[in-house]
Amino acid sequence: MQIYNMKETLKRAGYIYIRYLGHGEHVLEYIKGKKPYQFEVWFSNKNHASYGLIYKNTHLEFARSYGN
């Protein structure tokens, strides 16, 4: 049985940190896709069960696309 880590660092997942919006929401830019890169909002949610990212010991869970 193989166990997969469902939490990745921003760098490994292909994101860069843009800014904090407040109320636990963070804007990240996905830089592995096609240009123009897409912006997404992720929110702080420690120990959630789904896929997520880790930024400065904070667990982030995807919320929505950001911008256009």
PDB file of N, CA and C in Angstrom:
ATOM      1  N   MET A   1       0.839  -1.179   0.000  1.00  0.00           N
ATOM      2  CA  MET A   1       0.000   0.000   0.000  1.00  0.00           C
ATOM      3  C   MET A   1       0.887   1.246   0.000  1.00  0.00           C
ATOM      4  N   GLN A   2       0.581   2.162  -0.883  1.00  0.00           N
ATOM      5  CA  GLN A   2       1.367   3.381  -0.994  1.00  0.00           C
ATOM      6  C   GLN A   2       0.569   4.546  -0.419  1.00  0.00           C
ATOM      7  N   ILE A   3       1.200   5.364   0.393  1.00  0.00           N
ATOM      8  CA  ILE A   3       0.532   6.513   1.001  1.00  0.00           C
ATOM      9  C   ILE A   3       1.064   7.774   0.330  1.00  0.00           C
ATOM     10  N   TYR A   4       0.152   8.619  -0.117  1.00  0.00           N
ATOM     11  CA  TYR A   4       0.524   9.853  -0.781  1.00  0.00           C
ATOM     12  C   TYR A   4       0.315  11.035   0.152  1.00  0.00           C
ATOM     13  N   ASN A   5       1.267  11.948   0.133  1.00  0.00           N
ATOM     14  CA  ASN A   5       1.124  13.167   0.907  1.00  0.00           C
ATOM     15  C   ASN A   5       0.227  14.118   0.131  1.00  0.00           C
ATOM     16  N   MET A   6      -0.859  14.514   0.730  1.00  0.00           N
ATOM     17  CA  MET A   6      -1.820  15.370   0.046  1.00  0.00           C
ATOM     18  C   MET A   6      -1.544  16.850   0.284  1.00  0.00           C
ATOM     19  N   LYS A   7      -0.432  17.155   0.921  1.00  0.00           N
ATOM     20  CA  LYS A   7      -0.051  18.550   1.149  1.00  0.00           C
ATOM     21  C   LYS A   7       1.313  18.781   0.511  1.00  0.00           C
ATOM     22  N   GLU A   8       1.412  19.806  -0.330  1.00  0.00           N
ATOM     23  CA  GLU A   8       2.661  20.115  -1.011  1.00  0.00           C
ATOM     24  C   GLU A   8       3.095  21.535  -0.700  1.00  0.00           C
ATOM     25  N   THR A   9       4.377  21.784  -0.863  1.00  0.00           N
ATOM     26  CA  THR A   9       4.869  23.157  -0.744  1.00  0.00           C
ATOM     27  C   THR A   9       4.442  23.929  -1.993  1.00  0.00           C
ATOM     28  N   LEU A  10       4.436  25.254  -1.898  1.00  0.00           N
ATOM     29  CA  LEU A  10       4.068  26.075  -3.052  1.00  0.00           C
ATOM     30  C   LEU A  10       4.995  25.790  -4.234  1.00  0.00           C
ATOM     31  N   LYS A  11       6.282  25.733  -3.981  1.00  0.00           N
ATOM     32  CA  LYS A  11       7.264  25.537  -5.046  1.00  0.00           C
ATOM     33  C   LYS A  11       7.039  24.210  -5.763  1.00  0.00           C
ATOM     34  N   ARG A  12       6.858  23.170  -5.010  1.00  0.00           N
ATOM     35  CA  ARG A  12       6.672  21.843  -5.610  1.00  0.00           C
ATOM     36  C   ARG A  12       5.379  21.766  -6.427  1.00  0.00           C
ATOM     37  N   ALA A  13       4.352  22.450  -5.981  1.00  0.00           N
ATOM     38  CA  ALA A  13       3.068  22.426  -6.675  1.00  0.00           C
ATOM     39  C   ALA A  13       3.010  23.402  -7.844  1.00  0.00           C
ATOM     40  N   GLY A  14       3.984  24.318  -7.936  1.00  0.00           N
ATOM     41  CA  GLY A  14       4.024  25.255  -9.053  1.00  0.00           C
ATOM     42  C   GLY A  14       3.337  26.584  -8.791  1.00  0.00           C
ATOM     43  N   TYR A  15       3.316  27.016  -7.538  1.00  0.00           N
ATOM     44  CA  TYR A  15       2.679  28.281  -7.162  1.00  0.00           C
ATOM     45  C   TYR A  15       3.692  29.258  -6.600  1.00  0.00           C
ATOM     46  N   ILE A  16       3.361  30.542  -6.695  1.00  0.00           N
ATOM     47  CA  ILE A  16       4.089  31.564  -5.951  1.00  0.00           C
ATOM     48  C   ILE A  16       3.073  32.371  -5.155  1.00  0.00           C
ATOM     49  N   TYR A  17       3.515  32.838  -4.007  1.00  0.00           N
ATOM     50  CA  TYR A  17       2.643  33.600  -3.116  1.00  0.00           C
ATOM     51  C   TYR A  17       2.546  35.041  -3.610  1.00  0.00           C
ATOM     52  N   ILE A  18       1.326  35.575  -3.689  1.00  0.00           N
ATOM     53  CA  ILE A  18       1.128  36.948  -4.153  1.00  0.00           C
ATOM     54  C   ILE A  18       0.801  37.877  -2.990  1.00  0.00           C
ATOM     55  N   ARG A  19      -0.298  37.606  -2.269  1.00  0.00           N
ATOM     56  CA  ARG A  19      -0.623  38.478  -1.139  1.00  0.00           C
ATOM     57  C   ARG A  19      -1.730  37.885  -0.277  1.00  0.00           C
ATOM     58  N   TYR A  20      -1.867  38.443   0.909  1.00  0.00           N
ATOM     59  CA  TYR A  20      -2.903  38.060   1.861  1.00  0.00           C
ATOM     60  C   TYR A  20      -4.089  38.998   1.685  1.00  0.00           C
ATOM     61  N   LEU A  21      -5.290  38.423   1.539  1.00  0.00           N
ATOM     62  CA  LEU A  21      -6.500  39.234   1.366  1.00  0.00           C
ATOM     63  C   LEU A  21      -7.193  39.574   2.680  1.00  0.00           C
ATOM     64  N   GLY A  22      -6.899  38.828   3.721  1.00  0.00           N
ATOM     65  CA  GLY A  22      -7.591  38.985   4.988  1.00  0.00           C
ATOM     66  C   GLY A  22      -8.576  37.844   5.183  1.00  0.00           C
ATOM     67  N   HIS A  23      -9.056  37.669   6.389  1.00  0.00           N
ATOM     68  CA  HIS A  23     -10.033  36.630   6.733  1.00  0.00           C
ATOM     69  C   HIS A  23      -9.549  35.234   6.324  1.00  0.00           C
ATOM     70  N   GLY A  24      -8.241  35.000   6.409  1.00  0.00           N
ATOM     71  CA  GLY A  24      -7.674  33.687   6.109  1.00  0.00           C
ATOM     72  C   GLY A  24      -7.525  33.373   4.634  1.00  0.00           C
ATOM     73  N   GLU A  25      -7.728  34.353   3.750  1.00  0.00           N
ATOM     74  CA  GLU A  25      -7.628  34.112   2.311  1.00  0.00           C
ATOM     75  C   GLU A  25      -6.293  34.620   1.754  1.00  0.00           C
ATOM     76  N   HIS A  26      -5.702  33.809   0.880  1.00  0.00           N
ATOM     77  CA  HIS A  26      -4.395  34.098   0.285  1.00  0.00           C
ATOM     78  C   HIS A  26      -4.499  33.989  -1.231  1.00  0.00           C
ATOM     79  N   VAL A  27      -3.876  34.917  -1.960  1.00  0.00           N
ATOM     80  CA  VAL A  27      -3.841  34.852  -3.423  1.00  0.00           C
ATOM     81  C   VAL A  27      -2.529  34.205  -3.843  1.00  0.00           C
ATOM     82  N   LEU A  28      -2.643  33.158  -4.670  1.00  0.00           N
ATOM     83  CA  LEU A  28      -1.483  32.465  -5.208  1.00  0.00           C
ATOM     84  C   LEU A  28      -1.540  32.519  -6.727  1.00  0.00           C
ATOM     85  N   GLU A  29      -0.377  32.461  -7.349  1.00  0.00           N
ATOM     86  CA  GLU A  29      -0.309  32.426  -8.802  1.00  0.00           C
ATOM     87  C   GLU A  29       0.238  31.067  -9.226  1.00  0.00           C
ATOM     88  N   TYR A  30      -0.518  30.389 -10.091  1.00  0.00           N
ATOM     89  CA  TYR A  30      -0.077  29.095 -10.617  1.00  0.00           C
ATOM     90  C   TYR A  30       0.822  29.347 -11.814  1.00  0.00           C
ATOM     91  N   ILE A  31       2.084  28.917 -11.741  1.00  0.00           N
ATOM     92  CA  ILE A  31       3.058  29.284 -12.778  1.00  0.00           C
ATOM     93  C   ILE A  31       3.499  28.115 -13.652  1.00  0.00           C
ATOM     94  N   LYS A  32       2.863  26.963 -13.504  1.00  0.00           N
ATOM     95  CA  LYS A  32       3.233  25.822 -14.335  1.00  0.00           C
ATOM     96  C   LYS A  32       2.392  25.738 -15.605  1.00  0.00           C
ATOM     97  N   GLY A  33       1.279  26.426 -15.641  1.00  0.00           N
ATOM     98  CA  GLY A  33       0.384  26.358 -16.793  1.00  0.00           C
ATOM     99  C   GLY A  33       0.806  27.305 -17.904  1.00  0.00           C
ATOM    100  N   LYS A  34      -0.097  27.491 -18.844  1.00  0.00           N
ATOM    101  CA  LYS A  34       0.165  28.391 -19.965  1.00  0.00           C
ATOM    102  C   LYS A  34      -0.007  29.835 -19.535  1.00  0.00           C
ATOM    103  N   LYS A  35       0.754  30.714 -20.184  1.00  0.00           N
ATOM    104  CA  LYS A  35       0.601  32.145 -19.913  1.00  0.00           C
ATOM    105  C   LYS A  35      -0.647  32.634 -20.600  1.00  0.00           C
ATOM    106  N   PRO A  36      -1.383  33.594 -20.107  1.00  0.00           N
ATOM    107  CA  PRO A  36      -1.134  34.235 -18.816  1.00  0.00           C
ATOM    108  C   PRO A  36      -1.445  33.279 -17.670  1.00  0.00           C
ATOM    109  N   TYR A  37      -0.621  33.331 -16.649  1.00  0.00           N
ATOM    110  CA  TYR A  37      -0.801  32.454 -15.504  1.00  0.00           C
ATOM    111  C   TYR A  37      -2.105  32.770 -14.786  1.00  0.00           C
ATOM    112  N   GLN A  38      -2.592  31.794 -14.065  1.00  0.00           N
ATOM    113  CA  GLN A  38      -3.865  32.020 -13.387  1.00  0.00           C
ATOM    114  C   GLN A  38      -3.666  32.299 -11.899  1.00  0.00           C
ATOM    115  N   PHE A  39      -4.537  33.144 -11.374  1.00  0.00           N
ATOM    116  CA  PHE A  39      -4.520  33.501  -9.959  1.00  0.00           C
ATOM    117  C   PHE A  39      -5.649  32.754  -9.264  1.00  0.00           C
ATOM    118  N   GLU A  40      -5.378  32.323  -8.047  1.00  0.00           N
ATOM    119  CA  GLU A  40      -6.360  31.565  -7.280  1.00  0.00           C
ATOM    120  C   GLU A  40      -6.370  32.051  -5.834  1.00  0.00           C
ATOM    121  N   VAL A  41      -7.515  31.905  -5.202  1.00  0.00           N
ATOM    122  CA  VAL A  41      -7.646  32.197  -3.774  1.00  0.00           C
ATOM    123  C   VAL A  41      -7.659  30.873  -3.030  1.00  0.00           C
ATOM    124  N   TRP A  42      -6.810  30.791  -2.036  1.00  0.00           N
ATOM    125  CA  TRP A  42      -6.737  29.633  -1.148  1.00  0.00           C
ATOM    126  C   TRP A  42      -6.995  30.139   0.264  1.00  0.00           C
ATOM    127  N   PHE A  43      -7.625  29.323   1.098  1.00  0.00           N
ATOM    128  CA  PHE A  43      -7.891  29.772   2.462  1.00  0.00           C
ATOM    129  C   PHE A  43      -7.239  28.858   3.485  1.00  0.00           C
ATOM    130  N   SER A  44      -6.918  29.450   4.629  1.00  0.00           N
ATOM    131  CA  SER A  44      -6.281  28.714   5.718  1.00  0.00           C
ATOM    132  C   SER A  44      -7.275  27.727   6.299  1.00  0.00           C
ATOM    133  N   ASN A  45      -6.863  26.458   6.391  1.00  0.00           N
ATOM    134  CA  ASN A  45      -7.724  25.418   6.951  1.00  0.00           C
ATOM    135  C   ASN A  45      -6.824  24.291   7.437  1.00  0.00           C
ATOM    136  N   LYS A  46      -6.334  24.425   8.649  1.00  0.00           N
ATOM    137  CA  LYS A  46      -5.380  23.476   9.224  1.00  0.00           C
ATOM    138  C   LYS A  46      -5.993  22.074   9.316  1.00  0.00           C
ATOM    139  N   ASN A  47      -5.227  21.097   8.844  1.00  0.00           N
ATOM    140  CA  ASN A  47      -5.575  19.678   8.951  1.00  0.00           C
ATOM    141  C   ASN A  47      -6.816  19.257   8.177  1.00  0.00           C
ATOM    142  N   HIS A  48      -7.134  19.933   7.075  1.00  0.00           N
ATOM    143  CA  HIS A  48      -8.257  19.490   6.256  1.00  0.00           C
ATOM    144  C   HIS A  48      -7.867  18.201   5.532  1.00  0.00           C
ATOM    145  N   ALA A  49      -8.856  17.427   5.114  1.00  0.00           N
ATOM    146  CA  ALA A  49      -8.610  16.098   4.558  1.00  0.00           C
ATOM    147  C   ALA A  49      -8.278  16.096   3.067  1.00  0.00           C
ATOM    148  N   SER A  50      -8.618  17.140   2.356  1.00  0.00           N
ATOM    149  CA  SER A  50      -8.412  17.149   0.905  1.00  0.00           C
ATOM    150  C   SER A  50      -7.011  17.648   0.540  1.00  0.00           C
ATOM    151  N   TYR A  51      -6.724  17.639  -0.770  1.00  0.00           N
ATOM    152  CA  TYR A  51      -5.445  18.141  -1.270  1.00  0.00           C
ATOM    153  C   TYR A  51      -5.259  19.595  -0.844  1.00  0.00           C
ATOM    154  N   GLY A  52      -4.038  19.968  -0.539  1.00  0.00           N
ATOM    155  CA  GLY A  52      -3.770  21.346  -0.154  1.00  0.00           C
ATOM    156  C   GLY A  52      -2.300  21.694  -0.258  1.00  0.00           C
ATOM    157  N   LEU A  53      -2.018  22.924   0.086  1.00  0.00           N
ATOM    158  CA  LEU A  53      -0.661  23.444   0.035  1.00  0.00           C
ATOM    159  C   LEU A  53      -0.231  23.872   1.430  1.00  0.00           C
ATOM    160  N   ILE A  54       1.070  23.949   1.617  1.00  0.00           N
ATOM    161  CA  ILE A  54       1.617  24.417   2.885  1.00  0.00           C
ATOM    162  C   ILE A  54       2.450  25.665   2.602  1.00  0.00           C
ATOM    163  N   TYR A  55       2.133  26.744   3.313  1.00  0.00           N
ATOM    164  CA  TYR A  55       2.885  27.996   3.206  1.00  0.00           C
ATOM    165  C   TYR A  55       3.185  28.498   4.605  1.00  0.00           C
ATOM    166  N   LYS A  56       4.452  28.538   4.956  1.00  0.00           N
ATOM    167  CA  LYS A  56       4.898  28.995   6.277  1.00  0.00           C
ATOM    168  C   LYS A  56       4.109  28.311   7.399  1.00  0.00           C
ATOM    169  N   ASN A  57       4.060  26.995   7.354  1.00  0.00           N
ATOM    170  CA  ASN A  57       3.382  26.168   8.352  1.00  0.00           C
ATOM    171  C   ASN A  57       1.868  26.402   8.410  1.00  0.00           C
ATOM    172  N   THR A  58       1.299  26.976   7.374  1.00  0.00           N
ATOM    173  CA  THR A  58      -0.146  27.161   7.276  1.00  0.00           C
ATOM    174  C   THR A  58      -0.679  26.257   6.182  1.00  0.00           C
ATOM    175  N   HIS A  59      -1.703  25.478   6.485  1.00  0.00           N
ATOM    176  CA  HIS A  59      -2.317  24.618   5.477  1.00  0.00           C
ATOM    177  C   HIS A  59      -3.338  25.435   4.698  1.00  0.00           C
ATOM    178  N   LEU A  60      -3.254  25.348   3.375  1.00  0.00           N
ATOM    179  CA  LEU A  60      -4.150  26.103   2.513  1.00  0.00           C
ATOM    180  C   LEU A  60      -5.013  25.148   1.695  1.00  0.00           C
ATOM    181  N   GLU A  61      -6.279  25.503   1.548  1.00  0.00           N
ATOM    182  CA  GLU A  61      -7.228  24.718   0.756  1.00  0.00           C
ATOM    183  C   GLU A  61      -7.796  25.613  -0.336  1.00  0.00           C
ATOM    184  N   PHE A  62      -7.959  25.072  -1.553  1.00  0.00           N
ATOM    185  CA  PHE A  62      -8.432  25.851  -2.688  1.00  0.00           C
ATOM    186  C   PHE A  62      -9.834  26.383  -2.434  1.00  0.00           C
ATOM    187  N   ALA A  63     -10.051  27.666  -2.790  1.00  0.00           N
ATOM    188  CA  ALA A  63     -11.366  28.279  -2.628  1.00  0.00           C
ATOM    189  C   ALA A  63     -11.989  28.618  -3.985  1.00  0.00           C
ATOM    190  N   ARG A  64     -11.254  29.381  -4.823  1.00  0.00           N
ATOM    191  CA  ARG A  64     -11.830  29.835  -6.096  1.00  0.00           C
ATOM    192  C   ARG A  64     -10.755  30.498  -6.951  1.00  0.00           C
ATOM    193  N   SER A  65     -11.118  30.727  -8.215  1.00  0.00           N
ATOM    194  CA  SER A  65     -10.251  31.491  -9.106  1.00  0.00           C
ATOM    195  C   SER A  65     -10.314  32.961  -8.697  1.00  0.00           C
ATOM    196  N   TYR A  66      -9.308  33.736  -9.085  1.00  0.00           N
ATOM    197  CA  TYR A  66      -9.226  35.126  -8.686  1.00  0.00           C
ATOM    198  C   TYR A  66      -8.937  35.987  -9.900  1.00  0.00           C
ATOM    199  N   GLY A  67      -9.673  37.073 -10.027  1.00  0.00           N
ATOM    200  CA  GLY A  67      -9.413  37.997 -11.124  1.00  0.00           C
ATOM    201  C   GLY A  67     -10.423  37.859 -12.239  1.00  0.00           C
ATOM    202  N   ASN A  68      -9.972  38.125 -13.441  1.00  0.00           N
ATOM    203  CA  ASN A  68     -10.803  38.177 -14.640  1.00  0.00           C
ATOM    204  C   ASN A  68     -12.029  37.362 -14.468  1.00  0.00           C
TER     205      ASN A  68
END
